Amino acid sequence: MLAMILAAVNALLGLGASVGAGIAAIAAGIGIGKIGGAAMEAIARQPEAAGDIRSSMIVIAALIEGVALFAVIVCILALFV
């Protein structure tokens, strides 16, 4: 009986980790898309500030990617630990 319960918990754990990693990747994609769109709009309004806007956009996109990577790693750790 206990073995069946543990097998069911492990199956749900794998499903939860997969869904969590997928949500993290989708959220990062949406966030970077919004940043890119806002940066292009800002560059169109003020072309002389393109370098500053672009560098800020790259830094913020890297931070979002870092958070998404941490989320995926946590999901993988939840799956195997």
PDB file of N, CA and C in Angstrom:
ATOM      1  N   MET A   1       0.818  -1.188   0.000  1.00  0.00           N
ATOM      2  CA  MET A   1       0.000   0.000   0.000  1.00  0.00           C
ATOM      3  C   MET A   1       0.865   1.257   0.000  1.00  0.00           C
ATOM      4  N   LEU A   2       1.894   1.264   0.870  1.00  0.00           N
ATOM      5  CA  LEU A   2       2.784   2.418   0.963  1.00  0.00           C
ATOM      6  C   LEU A   2       3.562   2.609  -0.335  1.00  0.00           C
ATOM      7  N   ALA A   3       3.946   1.515  -0.972  1.00  0.00           N
ATOM      8  CA  ALA A   3       4.684   1.613  -2.236  1.00  0.00           C
ATOM      9  C   ALA A   3       3.823   2.259  -3.312  1.00  0.00           C
ATOM     10  N   MET A   4       2.537   1.947  -3.328  1.00  0.00           N
ATOM     11  CA  MET A   4       1.640   2.548  -4.327  1.00  0.00           C
ATOM     12  C   MET A   4       1.483   4.040  -4.071  1.00  0.00           C
ATOM     13  N   ILE A   5       1.400   4.441  -2.824  1.00  0.00           N
ATOM     14  CA  ILE A   5       1.266   5.857  -2.485  1.00  0.00           C
ATOM     15  C   ILE A   5       2.531   6.609  -2.874  1.00  0.00           C
ATOM     16  N   LEU A   6       3.707   6.019  -2.580  1.00  0.00           N
ATOM     17  CA  LEU A   6       4.961   6.664  -2.941  1.00  0.00           C
ATOM     18  C   LEU A   6       5.118   6.780  -4.457  1.00  0.00           C
ATOM     19  N   ALA A   7       4.678   5.786  -5.201  1.00  0.00           N
ATOM     20  CA  ALA A   7       4.748   5.849  -6.659  1.00  0.00           C
ATOM     21  C   ALA A   7       3.849   6.964  -7.188  1.00  0.00           C
ATOM     22  N   ALA A   8       2.669   7.107  -6.604  1.00  0.00           N
ATOM     23  CA  ALA A   8       1.761   8.174  -7.030  1.00  0.00           C
ATOM     24  C   ALA A   8       2.337   9.548  -6.698  1.00  0.00           C
ATOM     25  N   VAL A   9       2.970   9.686  -5.540  1.00  0.00           N
ATOM     26  CA  VAL A   9       3.584  10.958  -5.146  1.00  0.00           C
ATOM     27  C   VAL A   9       4.739  11.294  -6.087  1.00  0.00           C
ATOM     28  N   ASN A  10       5.550  10.308  -6.445  1.00  0.00           N
ATOM     29  CA  ASN A  10       6.657  10.549  -7.369  1.00  0.00           C
ATOM     30  C   ASN A  10       6.155  10.960  -8.750  1.00  0.00           C
ATOM     31  N   ALA A  11       5.073  10.371  -9.189  1.00  0.00           N
ATOM     32  CA  ALA A  11       4.508  10.750 -10.484  1.00  0.00           C
ATOM     33  C   ALA A  11       4.000  12.191 -10.457  1.00  0.00           C
ATOM     34  N   LEU A  12       3.318  12.554  -9.382  1.00  0.00           N
ATOM     35  CA  LEU A  12       2.835  13.927  -9.257  1.00  0.00           C
ATOM     36  C   LEU A  12       3.988  14.914  -9.095  1.00  0.00           C
ATOM     37  N   LEU A  13       5.056  14.493  -8.433  1.00  0.00           N
ATOM     38  CA  LEU A  13       6.225  15.349  -8.281  1.00  0.00           C
ATOM     39  C   LEU A  13       6.852  15.650  -9.641  1.00  0.00           C
ATOM     40  N   GLY A  14       6.951  14.641 -10.483  1.00  0.00           N
ATOM     41  CA  GLY A  14       7.481  14.851 -11.830  1.00  0.00           C
ATOM     42  C   GLY A  14       6.596  15.767 -12.651  1.00  0.00           C
ATOM     43  N   LEU A  15       5.306  15.604 -12.530  1.00  0.00           N
ATOM     44  CA  LEU A  15       4.372  16.465 -13.249  1.00  0.00           C
ATOM     45  C   LEU A  15       4.470  17.902 -12.750  1.00  0.00           C
ATOM     46  N   GLY A  16       4.540  18.082 -11.443  1.00  0.00           N
ATOM     47  CA  GLY A  16       4.654  19.423 -10.878  1.00  0.00           C
ATOM     48  C   GLY A  16       5.954  20.102 -11.275  1.00  0.00           C
ATOM     49  N   ALA A  17       7.058  19.359 -11.279  1.00  0.00           N
ATOM     50  CA  ALA A  17       8.343  19.931 -11.678  1.00  0.00           C
ATOM     51  C   ALA A  17       8.329  20.326 -13.148  1.00  0.00           C
ATOM     52  N   SER A  18       7.719  19.520 -13.972  1.00  0.00           N
ATOM     53  CA  SER A  18       7.631  19.839 -15.402  1.00  0.00           C
ATOM     54  C   SER A  18       6.778  21.077 -15.648  1.00  0.00           C
ATOM     55  N   VAL A  19       5.654  21.157 -14.984  1.00  0.00           N
ATOM     56  CA  VAL A  19       4.780  22.326 -15.128  1.00  0.00           C
ATOM     57  C   VAL A  19       5.472  23.580 -14.606  1.00  0.00           C
ATOM     58  N   GLY A  20       6.166  23.456 -13.481  1.00  0.00           N
ATOM     59  CA  GLY A  20       6.888  24.598 -12.921  1.00  0.00           C
ATOM     60  C   GLY A  20       7.975  25.109 -13.842  1.00  0.00           C
ATOM     61  N   ALA A  21       8.740  24.205 -14.440  1.00  0.00           N
ATOM     62  CA  ALA A  21       9.792  24.611 -15.375  1.00  0.00           C
ATOM     63  C   ALA A  21       9.192  25.252 -16.620  1.00  0.00           C
ATOM     64  N   GLY A  22       8.082  24.708 -17.087  1.00  0.00           N
ATOM     65  CA  GLY A  22       7.417  25.290 -18.254  1.00  0.00           C
ATOM     66  C   GLY A  22       6.883  26.688 -17.980  1.00  0.00           C
ATOM     67  N   ILE A  23       6.286  26.875 -16.830  1.00  0.00           N
ATOM     68  CA  ILE A  23       5.759  28.200 -16.470  1.00  0.00           C
ATOM     69  C   ILE A  23       6.906  29.202 -16.342  1.00  0.00           C
ATOM     70  N   ALA A  24       8.026  28.781 -15.765  1.00  0.00           N
ATOM     71  CA  ALA A  24       9.178  29.678 -15.623  1.00  0.00           C
ATOM     72  C   ALA A  24       9.705  30.099 -16.990  1.00  0.00           C
ATOM     73  N   ALA A  25       9.791  29.158 -17.926  1.00  0.00           N
ATOM     74  CA  ALA A  25      10.291  29.483 -19.257  1.00  0.00           C
ATOM     75  C   ALA A  25       9.321  30.403 -20.008  1.00  0.00           C
ATOM     76  N   ILE A  26       8.045  30.139 -19.898  1.00  0.00           N
ATOM     77  CA  ILE A  26       7.049  30.981 -20.573  1.00  0.00           C
ATOM     78  C   ILE A  26       7.043  32.383 -19.983  1.00  0.00           C
ATOM     79  N   ALA A  27       7.108  32.486 -18.667  1.00  0.00           N
ATOM     80  CA  ALA A  27       7.110  33.801 -18.026  1.00  0.00           C
ATOM     81  C   ALA A  27       8.347  34.601 -18.412  1.00  0.00           C
ATOM     82  N   ALA A  28       9.495  33.940 -18.508  1.00  0.00           N
ATOM     83  CA  ALA A  28      10.716  34.635 -18.924  1.00  0.00           C
ATOM     84  C   ALA A  28      10.593  35.132 -20.359  1.00  0.00           C
ATOM     85  N   GLY A  29      10.014  34.323 -21.220  1.00  0.00           N
ATOM     86  CA  GLY A  29       9.810  34.747 -22.609  1.00  0.00           C
ATOM     87  C   GLY A  29       8.884  35.947 -22.710  1.00  0.00           C
ATOM     88  N   ILE A  30       7.824  35.931 -21.946  1.00  0.00           N
ATOM     89  CA  ILE A  30       6.889  37.067 -21.954  1.00  0.00           C
ATOM     90  C   ILE A  30       7.576  38.317 -21.412  1.00  0.00           C
ATOM     91  N   GLY A  31       8.333  38.178 -20.323  1.00  0.00           N
ATOM     92  CA  GLY A  31       9.027  39.320 -19.739  1.00  0.00           C
ATOM     93  C   GLY A  31      10.040  39.933 -20.682  1.00  0.00           C
ATOM     94  N   ILE A  32      10.828  39.105 -21.342  1.00  0.00           N
ATOM     95  CA  ILE A  32      11.829  39.619 -22.266  1.00  0.00           C
ATOM     96  C   ILE A  32      11.161  40.234 -23.493  1.00  0.00           C
ATOM     97  N   GLY A  33      10.048  39.673 -23.921  1.00  0.00           N
ATOM     98  CA  GLY A  33       9.304  40.269 -25.037  1.00  0.00           C
ATOM     99  C   GLY A  33       8.782  41.652 -24.691  1.00  0.00           C
ATOM    100  N   LYS A  34       8.271  41.801 -23.483  1.00  0.00           N
ATOM    101  CA  LYS A  34       7.791  43.125 -23.059  1.00  0.00           C
ATOM    102  C   LYS A  34       8.940  44.123 -22.957  1.00  0.00           C
ATOM    103  N   ILE A  35      10.062  43.674 -22.442  1.00  0.00           N
ATOM    104  CA  ILE A  35      11.220  44.562 -22.342  1.00  0.00           C
ATOM    105  C   ILE A  35      11.680  44.993 -23.729  1.00  0.00           C
ATOM    106  N   GLY A  36      11.767  44.046 -24.638  1.00  0.00           N
ATOM    107  CA  GLY A  36      12.196  44.370 -26.003  1.00  0.00           C
ATOM    108  C   GLY A  36      11.248  45.348 -26.679  1.00  0.00           C
ATOM    109  N   GLY A  37       9.959  45.118 -26.531  1.00  0.00           N
ATOM    110  CA  GLY A  37       8.973  46.017 -27.139  1.00  0.00           C
ATOM    111  C   GLY A  37       9.054  47.419 -26.555  1.00  0.00           C
ATOM    112  N   ALA A  38       9.184  47.501 -25.243  1.00  0.00           N
ATOM    113  CA  ALA A  38       9.275  48.813 -24.603  1.00  0.00           C
ATOM    114  C   ALA A  38      10.568  49.522 -24.984  1.00  0.00           C
ATOM    115  N   ALA A  39      11.644  48.766 -25.114  1.00  0.00           N
ATOM    116  CA  ALA A  39      12.919  49.378 -25.501  1.00  0.00           C
ATOM    117  C   ALA A  39      12.854  49.895 -26.943  1.00  0.00           C
ATOM    118  N   MET A  40      12.250  49.144 -27.832  1.00  0.00           N
ATOM    119  CA  MET A  40      12.142  49.607 -29.224  1.00  0.00           C
ATOM    120  C   MET A  40      11.273  50.862 -29.310  1.00  0.00           C
ATOM    121  N   GLU A  41      10.223  50.897 -28.518  1.00  0.00           N
ATOM    122  CA  GLU A  41       9.370  52.098 -28.493  1.00  0.00           C
ATOM    123  C   GLU A  41      10.137  53.294 -27.936  1.00  0.00           C
ATOM    124  N   ALA A  42      10.936  53.053 -26.891  1.00  0.00           N
ATOM    125  CA  ALA A  42      11.718  54.143 -26.307  1.00  0.00           C
ATOM    126  C   ALA A  42      12.782  54.638 -27.281  1.00  0.00           C
ATOM    127  N   ILE A  43      13.413  53.727 -28.015  1.00  0.00           N
ATOM    128  CA  ILE A  43      14.422  54.122 -28.999  1.00  0.00           C
ATOM    129  C   ILE A  43      13.777  54.890 -30.143  1.00  0.00           C
ATOM    130  N   ALA A  44      12.562  54.506 -30.525  1.00  0.00           N
ATOM    131  CA  ALA A  44      11.860  55.232 -31.585  1.00  0.00           C
ATOM    132  C   ALA A  44      11.513  56.654 -31.142  1.00  0.00           C
ATOM    133  N   ARG A  45      11.230  56.833 -29.866  1.00  0.00           N
ATOM    134  CA  ARG A  45      10.890  58.172 -29.365  1.00  0.00           C
ATOM    135  C   ARG A  45      12.125  59.040 -29.176  1.00  0.00           C
ATOM    136  N   GLN A  46      13.222  58.426 -28.726  1.00  0.00           N
ATOM    137  CA  GLN A  46      14.464  59.173 -28.492  1.00  0.00           C
ATOM    138  C   GLN A  46      15.643  58.402 -29.091  1.00  0.00           C
ATOM    139  N   PRO A  47      15.888  58.563 -30.377  1.00  0.00           N
ATOM    140  CA  PRO A  47      16.979  57.807 -31.018  1.00  0.00           C
ATOM    141  C   PRO A  47      18.363  58.130 -30.453  1.00  0.00           C
ATOM    142  N   GLU A  48      18.550  59.329 -29.909  1.00  0.00           N
ATOM    143  CA  GLU A  48      19.872  59.689 -29.384  1.00  0.00           C
ATOM    144  C   GLU A  48      20.209  58.932 -28.102  1.00  0.00           C
ATOM    145  N   ALA A  49      19.235  58.349 -27.433  1.00  0.00           N
ATOM    146  CA  ALA A  49      19.468  57.586 -26.207  1.00  0.00           C
ATOM    147  C   ALA A  49      19.475  56.080 -26.463  1.00  0.00           C
ATOM    148  N   ALA A  50      19.679  55.676 -27.707  1.00  0.00           N
ATOM    149  CA  ALA A  50      19.587  54.254 -28.064  1.00  0.00           C
ATOM    150  C   ALA A  50      20.612  53.401 -27.323  1.00  0.00           C
ATOM    151  N   GLY A  51      21.834  53.904 -27.176  1.00  0.00           N
ATOM    152  CA  GLY A  51      22.873  53.116 -26.503  1.00  0.00           C
ATOM    153  C   GLY A  51      22.550  52.845 -25.041  1.00  0.00           C
ATOM    154  N   ASP A  52      22.090  53.881 -24.338  1.00  0.00           N
ATOM    155  CA  ASP A  52      21.735  53.709 -22.926  1.00  0.00           C
ATOM    156  C   ASP A  52      20.544  52.774 -22.759  1.00  0.00           C
ATOM    157  N   ILE A  53      19.558  52.938 -23.623  1.00  0.00           N
ATOM    158  CA  ILE A  53      18.357  52.092 -23.544  1.00  0.00           C
ATOM    159  C   ILE A  53      18.713  50.643 -23.840  1.00  0.00           C
ATOM    160  N   ARG A  54      19.545  50.434 -24.855  1.00  0.00           N
ATOM    161  CA  ARG A  54      19.928  49.075 -25.237  1.00  0.00           C
ATOM    162  C   ARG A  54      20.709  48.394 -24.114  1.00  0.00           C
ATOM    163  N   SER A  55      21.643  49.115 -23.499  1.00  0.00           N
ATOM    164  CA  SER A  55      22.426  48.492 -22.427  1.00  0.00           C
ATOM    165  C   SER A  55      21.548  48.178 -21.214  1.00  0.00           C
ATOM    166  N   SER A  56      20.618  49.051 -20.893  1.00  0.00           N
ATOM    167  CA  SER A  56      19.691  48.770 -19.796  1.00  0.00           C
ATOM    168  C   SER A  56      18.809  47.568 -20.113  1.00  0.00           C
ATOM    169  N   MET A  57      18.376  47.482 -21.370  1.00  0.00           N
ATOM    170  CA  MET A  57      17.539  46.363 -21.787  1.00  0.00           C
ATOM    171  C   MET A  57      18.298  45.045 -21.652  1.00  0.00           C
ATOM    172  N   ILE A  58      19.559  45.028 -22.031  1.00  0.00           N
ATOM    173  CA  ILE A  58      20.349  43.793 -21.963  1.00  0.00           C
ATOM    174  C   ILE A  58      20.554  43.368 -20.512  1.00  0.00           C
ATOM    175  N   VAL A  59      20.817  44.323 -19.627  1.00  0.00           N
ATOM    176  CA  VAL A  59      21.012  43.993 -18.214  1.00  0.00           C
ATOM    177  C   VAL A  59      19.728  43.419 -17.614  1.00  0.00           C
ATOM    178  N   ILE A  60      18.599  44.048 -17.897  1.00  0.00           N
ATOM    179  CA  ILE A  60      17.332  43.567 -17.344  1.00  0.00           C
ATOM    180  C   ILE A  60      16.970  42.200 -17.923  1.00  0.00           C
ATOM    181  N   ALA A  61      17.222  41.995 -19.216  1.00  0.00           N
ATOM    182  CA  ALA A  61      16.943  40.689 -19.825  1.00  0.00           C
ATOM    183  C   ALA A  61      17.818  39.603 -19.200  1.00  0.00           C
ATOM    184  N   ALA A  62      19.074  39.924 -18.903  1.00  0.00           N
ATOM    185  CA  ALA A  62      19.961  38.948 -18.268  1.00  0.00           C
ATOM    186  C   ALA A  62      19.461  38.602 -16.865  1.00  0.00           C
ATOM    187  N   LEU A  63      18.964  39.601 -16.132  1.00  0.00           N
ATOM    188  CA  LEU A  63      18.425  39.318 -14.798  1.00  0.00           C
ATOM    189  C   LEU A  63      17.197  38.419 -14.878  1.00  0.00           C
ATOM    190  N   ILE A  64      16.343  38.652 -15.859  1.00  0.00           N
ATOM    191  CA  ILE A  64      15.157  37.801 -16.026  1.00  0.00           C
ATOM    192  C   ILE A  64      15.571  36.380 -16.386  1.00  0.00           C
ATOM    193  N   GLU A  65      16.554  36.243 -17.269  1.00  0.00           N
ATOM    194  CA  GLU A  65      17.026  34.906 -17.632  1.00  0.00           C
ATOM    195  C   GLU A  65      17.614  34.193 -16.414  1.00  0.00           C
ATOM    196  N   GLY A  66      18.303  34.935 -15.558  1.00  0.00           N
ATOM    197  CA  GLY A  66      18.861  34.339 -14.347  1.00  0.00           C
ATOM    198  C   GLY A  66      17.786  33.816 -13.419  1.00  0.00           C
ATOM    199  N   VAL A  67      16.733  34.587 -13.252  1.00  0.00           N
ATOM    200  CA  VAL A  67      15.625  34.152 -12.400  1.00  0.00           C
ATOM    201  C   VAL A  67      14.954  32.914 -13.001  1.00  0.00           C
ATOM    202  N   ALA A  68      14.781  32.903 -14.315  1.00  0.00           N
ATOM    203  CA  ALA A  68      14.173  31.738 -14.968  1.00  0.00           C
ATOM    204  C   ALA A  68      15.058  30.507 -14.818  1.00  0.00           C
ATOM    205  N   LEU A  69      16.365  30.694 -14.930  1.00  0.00           N
ATOM    206  CA  LEU A  69      17.284  29.566 -14.754  1.00  0.00           C
ATOM    207  C   LEU A  69      17.208  29.020 -13.332  1.00  0.00           C
ATOM    208  N   PHE A  70      17.162  29.912 -12.343  1.00  0.00           N
ATOM    209  CA  PHE A  70      17.020  29.451 -10.965  1.00  0.00           C
ATOM    210  C   PHE A  70      15.717  28.682 -10.777  1.00  0.00           C
ATOM    211  N   ALA A  71      14.641  29.143 -11.384  1.00  0.00           N
ATOM    212  CA  ALA A  71      13.352  28.455 -11.256  1.00  0.00           C
ATOM    213  C   ALA A  71      13.413  27.061 -11.863  1.00  0.00           C
ATOM    214  N   VAL A  72      14.039  26.944 -13.019  1.00  0.00           N
ATOM    215  CA  VAL A  72      14.151  25.628 -13.663  1.00  0.00           C
ATOM    216  C   VAL A  72      15.034  24.701 -12.823  1.00  0.00           C
ATOM    217  N   ILE A  73      16.114  25.229 -12.259  1.00  0.00           N
ATOM    218  CA  ILE A  73      16.998  24.414 -11.414  1.00  0.00           C
ATOM    219  C   ILE A  73      16.253  23.933 -10.174  1.00  0.00           C
ATOM    220  N   VAL A  74      15.455  24.799  -9.564  1.00  0.00           N
ATOM    221  CA  VAL A  74      14.683  24.395  -8.392  1.00  0.00           C
ATOM    222  C   VAL A  74      13.706  23.286  -8.780  1.00  0.00           C
ATOM    223  N   CYS A  75      13.083  23.394  -9.935  1.00  0.00           N
ATOM    224  CA  CYS A  75      12.168  22.336 -10.385  1.00  0.00           C
ATOM    225  C   CYS A  75      12.901  21.023 -10.619  1.00  0.00           C
ATOM    226  N   ILE A  76      14.093  21.092 -11.183  1.00  0.00           N
ATOM    227  CA  ILE A  76      14.871  19.880 -11.402  1.00  0.00           C
ATOM    228  C   ILE A  76      15.298  19.273 -10.054  1.00  0.00           C
ATOM    229  N   LEU A  77      15.710  20.121  -9.132  1.00  0.00           N
ATOM    230  CA  LEU A  77      16.079  19.612  -7.806  1.00  0.00           C
ATOM    231  C   LEU A  77      14.888  18.979  -7.093  1.00  0.00           C
ATOM    232  N   ALA A  78      13.713  19.572  -7.254  1.00  0.00           N
ATOM    233  CA  ALA A  78      12.520  18.995  -6.640  1.00  0.00           C
ATOM    234  C   ALA A  78      12.211  17.636  -7.250  1.00  0.00           C
ATOM    235  N   LEU A  79      12.555  17.474  -8.494  1.00  0.00           N
ATOM    236  CA  LEU A  79      12.284  16.205  -9.173  1.00  0.00           C
ATOM    237  C   LEU A  79      13.213  15.088  -8.680  1.00  0.00           C
ATOM    238  N   PHE A  80      14.489  15.406  -8.460  1.00  0.00           N
ATOM    239  CA  PHE A  80      15.460  14.363  -8.144  1.00  0.00           C
ATOM    240  C   PHE A  80      15.794  14.241  -6.667  1.00  0.00           C
ATOM    241  N   VAL A  81      15.416  15.202  -5.857  1.00  0.00           N
ATOM    242  CA  VAL A  81      15.774  15.117  -4.431  1.00  0.00           C
ATOM    243  C   VAL A  81      14.574  14.720  -3.609  1.00  0.00           C
TER     244      VAL A  81
END
